[in-house]
Every structure is written in structure tokens, then in C-alpha cells.
Amino acid sequence: MMKLLLGCVLGLTLAACNEPTSFNRRTLPLALVNDAPIPVTLPSGAGTVEVISGTIQSNLATGICNWTVNLSGGISRTGTVPECVFFLDQNFSVTLDMGGPPAPDGPHLYEFGVVGG
């Protein structure tokens, strides 16, 4: 009986870790760009673009993070960060180059989490 119970617990634990559920996902809001609180205005071609908001989501089962950055004019950029895991009480910083117009030119430091955290 004990072996059966242990087997069930182990099976459920492994299934939960491999299941793409909200239990395995952690989401942080975009807080800073180049150490400045959002919204932030960045160069884009001959003009500028404003970074309005964003999120990064860590999937503990895959170790991959998916990010979204929302820009002025209804533009959004998305991407992934491999080998990325964080917890809700942490901040996560990543340098992203979104390729220029209509997105920002060049690389910028994006910090997700709580300002001052």
C-alpha cells in the first residue's frame, strides 16, 4: 500500500512539473527601461517611440521566458529568452534589441519586477 501511495505522489509531482499550467508560470511586469521608470521615450529611426508597458513570463517546466513590450501607436514586440527562470520575489533584467523602427533602435536594458525590489 505504501509503495502504491508513494508511486501516485511521485507520478502526480512529475506530471505537475511537466504540465504547462499556471503553477509552473511566473509573470513579472516591466518596471524600468535603462534604469528609468516606464513610460520611457527611446529613439526610433528619425523619431522616437514610447515604451508603455510589458511583461515577462517564466515557464519553470521549459526554462524559457516569453516577453512582451507594448509601445506607443499600438505596437507590441514579443520574443523569448532561453535558459530563463525567476521567482515572483525576484527582478529579471535582460538587454533587448528590437530591431529599430517602429520599435526602439539598438539594445536597451529592460527590468521586469518591482521597482526598488
N, C-alpha and C. Protein backbone atom coordinates (compact mmCIF):
# COMPACT_ATOMS: atom_id res chain seq x y z
N MET A 1 0.83 -1.20 0.00
CA MET A 1 0.00 0.00 0.00
C MET A 1 0.87 1.26 0.00
N MET A 2 1.94 1.26 0.81
CA MET A 2 2.82 2.43 0.89
C MET A 2 3.51 2.68 -0.45
N LYS A 3 3.92 1.60 -1.14
CA LYS A 3 4.57 1.75 -2.45
C LYS A 3 3.60 2.36 -3.46
N LEU A 4 2.35 1.92 -3.40
CA LEU A 4 1.34 2.46 -4.31
C LEU A 4 1.11 3.94 -4.05
N LEU A 5 1.01 4.32 -2.78
CA LEU A 5 0.82 5.72 -2.42
C LEU A 5 2.01 6.57 -2.84
N LEU A 6 3.21 6.07 -2.58
CA LEU A 6 4.43 6.79 -2.97
C LEU A 6 4.50 6.94 -4.49
N GLY A 7 4.14 5.89 -5.20
CA GLY A 7 4.14 5.94 -6.67
C GLY A 7 3.16 6.97 -7.20
N CYS A 8 1.99 7.04 -6.58
CA CYS A 8 0.99 8.03 -7.01
C CYS A 8 1.46 9.45 -6.74
N VAL A 9 2.03 9.67 -5.58
CA VAL A 9 2.53 11.01 -5.25
C VAL A 9 3.64 11.41 -6.20
N LEU A 10 4.59 10.51 -6.46
CA LEU A 10 5.69 10.79 -7.39
C LEU A 10 5.16 11.06 -8.79
N GLY A 11 4.19 10.25 -9.22
CA GLY A 11 3.61 10.43 -10.55
C GLY A 11 2.91 11.77 -10.70
N LEU A 12 2.15 12.15 -9.68
CA LEU A 12 1.46 13.43 -9.72
C LEU A 12 2.44 14.60 -9.70
N THR A 13 3.50 14.47 -8.92
CA THR A 13 4.51 15.52 -8.86
C THR A 13 5.19 15.70 -10.20
N LEU A 14 5.60 14.62 -10.84
CA LEU A 14 6.25 14.71 -12.14
C LEU A 14 5.30 15.26 -13.19
N ALA A 15 4.05 14.84 -13.15
CA ALA A 15 3.07 15.35 -14.11
C ALA A 15 2.85 16.84 -13.93
N ALA A 16 2.80 17.29 -12.68
CA ALA A 16 2.59 18.72 -12.41
C ALA A 16 3.76 19.55 -12.88
N CYS A 17 4.98 19.03 -12.74
CA CYS A 17 6.16 19.78 -13.17
C CYS A 17 6.24 19.90 -14.68
N ASN A 18 5.72 18.93 -15.40
CA ASN A 18 5.80 18.96 -16.86
C ASN A 18 4.56 19.56 -17.49
N GLU A 19 3.56 19.82 -16.71
CA GLU A 19 2.30 20.37 -17.21
C GLU A 19 2.42 21.88 -17.36
N PRO A 20 2.04 22.43 -18.54
CA PRO A 20 2.14 23.88 -18.74
C PRO A 20 0.98 24.63 -18.07
N THR A 21 0.88 24.51 -16.76
CA THR A 21 -0.19 25.17 -16.03
C THR A 21 0.32 26.45 -15.40
N SER A 22 -0.59 27.18 -14.80
CA SER A 22 -0.20 28.43 -14.14
C SER A 22 0.71 28.17 -12.95
N PHE A 23 0.68 26.96 -12.40
CA PHE A 23 1.58 26.61 -11.29
C PHE A 23 3.04 26.75 -11.71
N ASN A 24 3.33 26.45 -12.96
CA ASN A 24 4.70 26.48 -13.46
C ASN A 24 5.09 27.82 -14.08
N ARG A 25 4.19 28.77 -14.12
CA ARG A 25 4.47 30.04 -14.78
C ARG A 25 4.55 31.17 -13.77
N ARG A 26 5.50 32.06 -13.98
CA ARG A 26 5.66 33.26 -13.16
C ARG A 26 5.70 34.45 -14.11
N THR A 27 4.92 35.49 -13.80
CA THR A 27 4.85 36.67 -14.66
C THR A 27 5.25 37.90 -13.87
N LEU A 28 6.12 38.70 -14.48
CA LEU A 28 6.54 39.97 -13.87
C LEU A 28 6.22 41.11 -14.83
N PRO A 29 5.81 42.27 -14.30
CA PRO A 29 5.56 43.44 -15.15
C PRO A 29 6.86 44.17 -15.48
N LEU A 30 6.87 44.86 -16.61
CA LEU A 30 8.00 45.72 -16.95
C LEU A 30 7.98 46.94 -16.04
N ALA A 31 9.11 47.23 -15.40
CA ALA A 31 9.18 48.34 -14.45
C ALA A 31 10.11 49.45 -14.92
N LEU A 32 11.28 49.09 -15.46
CA LEU A 32 12.30 50.07 -15.83
C LEU A 32 12.86 49.77 -17.22
N VAL A 33 13.23 50.83 -17.92
CA VAL A 33 13.99 50.70 -19.16
C VAL A 33 15.19 51.62 -19.03
N ASN A 34 16.38 51.07 -19.17
CA ASN A 34 17.62 51.83 -18.98
C ASN A 34 17.61 52.56 -17.63
N ASP A 35 17.14 51.87 -16.59
CA ASP A 35 17.09 52.37 -15.22
C ASP A 35 16.07 53.50 -14.99
N ALA A 36 15.21 53.79 -15.96
CA ALA A 36 14.18 54.82 -15.81
C ALA A 36 12.80 54.15 -15.74
N PRO A 37 11.92 54.62 -14.85
CA PRO A 37 10.59 54.03 -14.78
C PRO A 37 9.78 54.29 -16.05
N ILE A 38 8.95 53.30 -16.42
CA ILE A 38 8.13 53.49 -17.61
C ILE A 38 6.95 54.40 -17.29
N PRO A 39 6.42 55.13 -18.26
CA PRO A 39 6.78 55.13 -19.68
C PRO A 39 8.12 55.82 -19.95
N VAL A 40 8.82 55.30 -20.96
CA VAL A 40 10.13 55.81 -21.34
C VAL A 40 10.13 56.08 -22.84
N THR A 41 10.69 57.21 -23.24
CA THR A 41 10.81 57.55 -24.66
C THR A 41 12.21 57.17 -25.15
N LEU A 42 12.26 56.41 -26.25
CA LEU A 42 13.53 55.94 -26.82
C LEU A 42 13.62 56.33 -28.29
N PRO A 43 14.84 56.45 -28.82
CA PRO A 43 14.99 56.77 -30.24
C PRO A 43 14.52 55.62 -31.13
N SER A 44 13.92 56.01 -32.25
CA SER A 44 13.46 55.04 -33.24
C SER A 44 13.55 55.68 -34.62
N GLY A 45 14.57 55.31 -35.36
CA GLY A 45 14.78 55.94 -36.67
C GLY A 45 15.04 57.42 -36.49
N ALA A 46 14.32 58.26 -37.24
CA ALA A 46 14.47 59.71 -37.14
C ALA A 46 13.60 60.29 -36.03
N GLY A 47 12.79 59.45 -35.38
CA GLY A 47 11.89 59.94 -34.35
C GLY A 47 12.10 59.22 -33.03
N THR A 48 11.00 59.08 -32.31
CA THR A 48 11.04 58.39 -31.01
C THR A 48 9.84 57.46 -30.89
N VAL A 49 9.92 56.56 -29.92
CA VAL A 49 8.82 55.66 -29.59
C VAL A 49 8.77 55.57 -28.07
N GLU A 50 7.58 55.44 -27.52
CA GLU A 50 7.43 55.36 -26.08
C GLU A 50 7.18 53.90 -25.67
N VAL A 51 7.94 53.43 -24.68
CA VAL A 51 7.70 52.12 -24.08
C VAL A 51 6.66 52.31 -22.99
N ILE A 52 5.50 51.67 -23.16
CA ILE A 52 4.37 51.91 -22.28
C ILE A 52 4.26 50.85 -21.18
N SER A 53 4.40 49.60 -21.55
CA SER A 53 4.24 48.52 -20.58
C SER A 53 4.85 47.24 -21.14
N GLY A 54 4.81 46.19 -20.34
CA GLY A 54 5.30 44.91 -20.80
C GLY A 54 5.26 43.88 -19.70
N THR A 55 5.51 42.64 -20.07
CA THR A 55 5.58 41.54 -19.11
C THR A 55 6.62 40.54 -19.58
N ILE A 56 7.09 39.75 -18.63
CA ILE A 56 7.91 38.59 -18.96
C ILE A 56 7.33 37.43 -18.16
N GLN A 57 7.24 36.26 -18.81
CA GLN A 57 6.66 35.09 -18.16
C GLN A 57 7.67 33.95 -18.23
N SER A 58 8.00 33.41 -17.05
CA SER A 58 8.92 32.28 -16.95
C SER A 58 8.11 31.00 -16.89
N ASN A 59 8.54 30.01 -17.65
CA ASN A 59 7.93 28.69 -17.60
C ASN A 59 8.93 27.76 -16.92
N LEU A 60 8.65 27.36 -15.69
CA LEU A 60 9.58 26.54 -14.93
C LEU A 60 9.81 25.18 -15.56
N ALA A 61 8.85 24.68 -16.32
CA ALA A 61 8.99 23.37 -16.96
C ALA A 61 9.94 23.40 -18.14
N THR A 62 9.96 24.52 -18.89
CA THR A 62 10.80 24.59 -20.09
C THR A 62 12.07 25.40 -19.90
N GLY A 63 12.06 26.29 -18.89
CA GLY A 63 13.22 27.16 -18.69
C GLY A 63 13.32 28.28 -19.71
N ILE A 64 12.23 28.55 -20.40
CA ILE A 64 12.20 29.61 -21.41
C ILE A 64 11.25 30.71 -20.94
N CYS A 65 11.66 31.96 -21.12
CA CYS A 65 10.80 33.10 -20.79
C CYS A 65 10.27 33.72 -22.08
N ASN A 66 9.02 34.13 -22.04
CA ASN A 66 8.41 34.87 -23.15
C ASN A 66 8.16 36.30 -22.68
N TRP A 67 8.62 37.27 -23.48
CA TRP A 67 8.43 38.67 -23.10
C TRP A 67 7.55 39.37 -24.14
N THR A 68 6.86 40.39 -23.65
CA THR A 68 6.07 41.28 -24.50
C THR A 68 6.35 42.70 -24.04
N VAL A 69 6.64 43.58 -24.99
CA VAL A 69 6.83 45.00 -24.69
C VAL A 69 5.84 45.77 -25.56
N ASN A 70 5.01 46.59 -24.91
CA ASN A 70 4.00 47.39 -25.60
C ASN A 70 4.52 48.81 -25.80
N LEU A 71 4.41 49.26 -27.04
CA LEU A 71 4.94 50.57 -27.44
C LEU A 71 3.80 51.50 -27.85
N SER A 72 4.12 52.78 -27.96
CA SER A 72 3.12 53.75 -28.42
C SER A 72 2.65 53.39 -29.82
N GLY A 73 1.49 53.88 -30.18
CA GLY A 73 0.94 53.62 -31.50
C GLY A 73 0.36 52.22 -31.63
N GLY A 74 0.14 51.53 -30.49
CA GLY A 74 -0.45 50.20 -30.53
C GLY A 74 0.49 49.10 -30.99
N ILE A 75 1.78 49.37 -31.00
CA ILE A 75 2.78 48.41 -31.45
C ILE A 75 3.24 47.55 -30.27
N SER A 76 3.39 46.26 -30.51
CA SER A 76 3.93 45.35 -29.50
C SER A 76 5.07 44.55 -30.12
N ARG A 77 6.02 44.21 -29.31
CA ARG A 77 7.10 43.33 -29.72
C ARG A 77 7.13 42.17 -28.74
N THR A 78 7.41 40.97 -29.24
CA THR A 78 7.49 39.78 -28.40
C THR A 78 8.76 39.02 -28.72
N GLY A 79 9.16 38.18 -27.78
CA GLY A 79 10.33 37.35 -28.01
C GLY A 79 10.52 36.38 -26.87
N THR A 80 11.61 35.63 -26.93
CA THR A 80 11.91 34.64 -25.89
C THR A 80 13.33 34.84 -25.37
N VAL A 81 13.53 34.37 -24.16
CA VAL A 81 14.85 34.35 -23.54
C VAL A 81 15.09 32.90 -23.11
N PRO A 82 16.09 32.22 -23.71
CA PRO A 82 16.35 30.84 -23.32
C PRO A 82 17.03 30.76 -21.96
N GLU A 83 16.94 29.59 -21.35
CA GLU A 83 17.58 29.34 -20.05
C GLU A 83 17.25 30.45 -19.05
N CYS A 84 15.99 30.70 -18.89
CA CYS A 84 15.50 31.81 -18.07
C CYS A 84 14.50 31.29 -17.05
N VAL A 85 14.83 31.44 -15.78
CA VAL A 85 13.92 31.07 -14.70
C VAL A 85 14.04 32.13 -13.62
N PHE A 86 12.92 32.58 -13.11
CA PHE A 86 12.92 33.53 -12.00
C PHE A 86 11.73 33.22 -11.11
N PHE A 87 11.73 33.80 -9.94
CA PHE A 87 10.63 33.61 -9.00
C PHE A 87 9.97 34.95 -8.75
N LEU A 88 8.77 34.93 -8.19
CA LEU A 88 7.97 36.15 -8.05
C LEU A 88 8.62 37.21 -7.18
N ASP A 89 9.50 36.82 -6.27
CA ASP A 89 10.14 37.81 -5.39
C ASP A 89 11.45 38.33 -5.97
N GLN A 90 11.71 38.04 -7.25
CA GLN A 90 12.93 38.49 -7.90
C GLN A 90 12.61 39.47 -9.03
N ASN A 91 13.59 40.28 -9.37
CA ASN A 91 13.52 41.07 -10.59
C ASN A 91 14.30 40.32 -11.65
N PHE A 92 13.99 40.59 -12.91
CA PHE A 92 14.70 39.95 -14.01
C PHE A 92 15.05 41.02 -15.02
N SER A 93 16.34 41.15 -15.34
CA SER A 93 16.81 42.15 -16.31
C SER A 93 17.34 41.45 -17.55
N VAL A 94 17.05 42.04 -18.69
CA VAL A 94 17.54 41.50 -19.95
C VAL A 94 17.76 42.66 -20.93
N THR A 95 18.83 42.57 -21.69
CA THR A 95 19.09 43.56 -22.74
C THR A 95 18.45 43.06 -24.02
N LEU A 96 17.58 43.89 -24.59
CA LEU A 96 16.85 43.52 -25.81
C LEU A 96 17.14 44.53 -26.91
N ASP A 97 17.30 44.04 -28.12
CA ASP A 97 17.39 44.88 -29.31
C ASP A 97 16.21 44.51 -30.18
N MET A 98 15.25 45.42 -30.29
CA MET A 98 14.00 45.13 -31.00
C MET A 98 14.07 45.46 -32.48
N GLY A 99 15.24 45.83 -32.98
CA GLY A 99 15.43 45.96 -34.41
C GLY A 99 15.12 47.29 -35.05
N GLY A 100 14.82 48.29 -34.29
CA GLY A 100 14.58 49.61 -34.87
C GLY A 100 13.16 49.81 -35.33
N PRO A 101 12.93 50.91 -36.09
CA PRO A 101 11.58 51.36 -36.43
C PRO A 101 10.69 50.22 -36.92
N PRO A 102 9.46 50.20 -36.39
CA PRO A 102 8.85 51.18 -35.50
C PRO A 102 9.19 50.98 -34.02
N ALA A 103 10.05 50.01 -33.71
CA ALA A 103 10.48 49.76 -32.34
C ALA A 103 11.73 50.60 -32.04
N PRO A 104 12.21 50.58 -30.79
CA PRO A 104 13.42 51.35 -30.44
C PRO A 104 14.66 50.87 -31.20
N ASP A 105 15.56 51.82 -31.47
CA ASP A 105 16.85 51.50 -32.08
C ASP A 105 17.80 50.91 -31.04
N GLY A 106 18.56 49.92 -31.43
CA GLY A 106 19.65 49.41 -30.60
C GLY A 106 19.21 48.69 -29.34
N PRO A 107 20.20 48.21 -28.59
CA PRO A 107 19.91 47.48 -27.35
C PRO A 107 19.59 48.41 -26.19
N HIS A 108 18.67 47.96 -25.35
CA HIS A 108 18.29 48.69 -24.15
C HIS A 108 18.07 47.69 -23.04
N LEU A 109 18.27 48.11 -21.78
CA LEU A 109 18.11 47.24 -20.63
C LEU A 109 16.67 47.34 -20.13
N TYR A 110 15.98 46.21 -20.12
CA TYR A 110 14.60 46.13 -19.66
C TYR A 110 14.58 45.36 -18.34
N GLU A 111 14.03 45.98 -17.28
CA GLU A 111 13.95 45.32 -15.98
C GLU A 111 12.50 45.05 -15.63
N PHE A 112 12.22 43.78 -15.40
CA PHE A 112 10.89 43.33 -15.05
C PHE A 112 10.87 43.03 -13.56
N GLY A 113 9.78 43.38 -12.91
CA GLY A 113 9.64 43.12 -11.48
C GLY A 113 9.11 44.34 -10.76
N VAL A 114 9.59 44.54 -9.55
CA VAL A 114 9.14 45.64 -8.70
C VAL A 114 10.25 46.67 -8.60
N VAL A 115 9.93 47.93 -8.89
CA VAL A 115 10.92 49.00 -8.77
C VAL A 115 11.42 49.07 -7.35
N GLY A 116 12.74 49.08 -7.22
CA GLY A 116 13.35 49.14 -5.89
C GLY A 116 13.34 47.80 -5.18
N GLY A 117 12.90 46.72 -5.88
CA GLY A 117 12.82 45.40 -5.26
C GLY A 117 14.06 44.59 -5.37
